[in-house]
Amino acid sequence: MTQKDLLKLIAETGYNVGFGAKKHFATFDIVAKVPGVIGFVSTAVGIFGLVIDCLSTKTLSAAFIVLGVMGLYISYRDHKKQAYDEVGKELTKRYDRLKEMYFEVKAREEQDFALYQEELRRIKKECDDLSISEQILFSDWYAHYKFFWQHQIGWIDEQKKFRLLRDMIPLSFIVSIAAVLIALTVILFACKPAPLAPSPVPAQATLPDDTSKTKIDSAKDSRQTNTPNPTPPVIDSPKAP
C-alpha cells in the first residue's frame, strides 16, 4: 500500500470513528438534557398562560402534550446514557490516535507501512466492538453539528474535501424542512376562510324629483284646460199676454 492510499484510508477511518464518537455524545446529551428542558418550558408556559390569554389556546396545549410524550420516549433510555458517554470517550481516544498516525505516515519517507496498517486494522476492530448500534432519534443531526462545527477535522478534510450540502448538513434534515414547509403551505391554503357574501341592501322608496313633480303638475293643468266648460241651461222667458 502506498503512502497516499494509506493516508486516505486513515482519514476515512478517522471520519467514521470521530463521527461515531460524536453520535454517542449526541445521544447522551439528548437523553440527559432534553426531558428537563421540555419540563421546564412546559411549566413556564403553563404559568404564563394564567395571565396571557394567547398562551392558553388549545393548539399550544396540544403541542406541549406531544412534547411531553417525546420526553417520556427519551426517558426510556435514561438507564443507558452513561454507556453512551463512556463509549464516546473511548472512540475519541482512538480518533486522536488516528490523527497522530496520519501525520506520522505523512512525515515518513520510507515506503514500509506494514506496522501502521496492522495498527489501523486493530483500531477499526476495537471501534466496531465498542460502538452501540441503537441510537436515539435526531442524534444523527446533532452529531453533524458537533463533528463538523465543533471539532477540529482539518486533517480529514485534506483527503475528504467536505462540502456543505453534501456532507456538513444531513440530507434527511433538508428533506424534513422541505416537507414541513410544503405541509404548512397546504394547511394555510386549506384553512383559508371563504370570502363573505355581500349582504343584500334593503330597497329604499325613491321619491320623485322636482322634474317628475313638474311633469305631473303640467299634465294636470293640460287636462283641466282641454275639458269643455258646461253650457248653462237656457230658460225660456214667459210670453206677454
Foldseek 3Di string as FASTA:
>chain_A
DFLVVVLLVLLVVLVVLLLLLLLLVLLLCCLVPLLVVLVVVVVVLVVVCVPDVVSPDPVNVVVSVVSNVVSVVSPVCNVVSVLSNVLSVVSVVLSVVSVVLSVVSVPDDDGDCVVVVVVSVVSSVVNVVSGDPDGDPPSSQSSLCCPVPVDDSPSSCVNVVDDCVVRSGDPVVVVVVVVVVVVVVVVCVVPPDDDDDDDDDDDDDDDDDPVVVVVVVVVVVVVVVPDDDDDDDDDDDDDDD
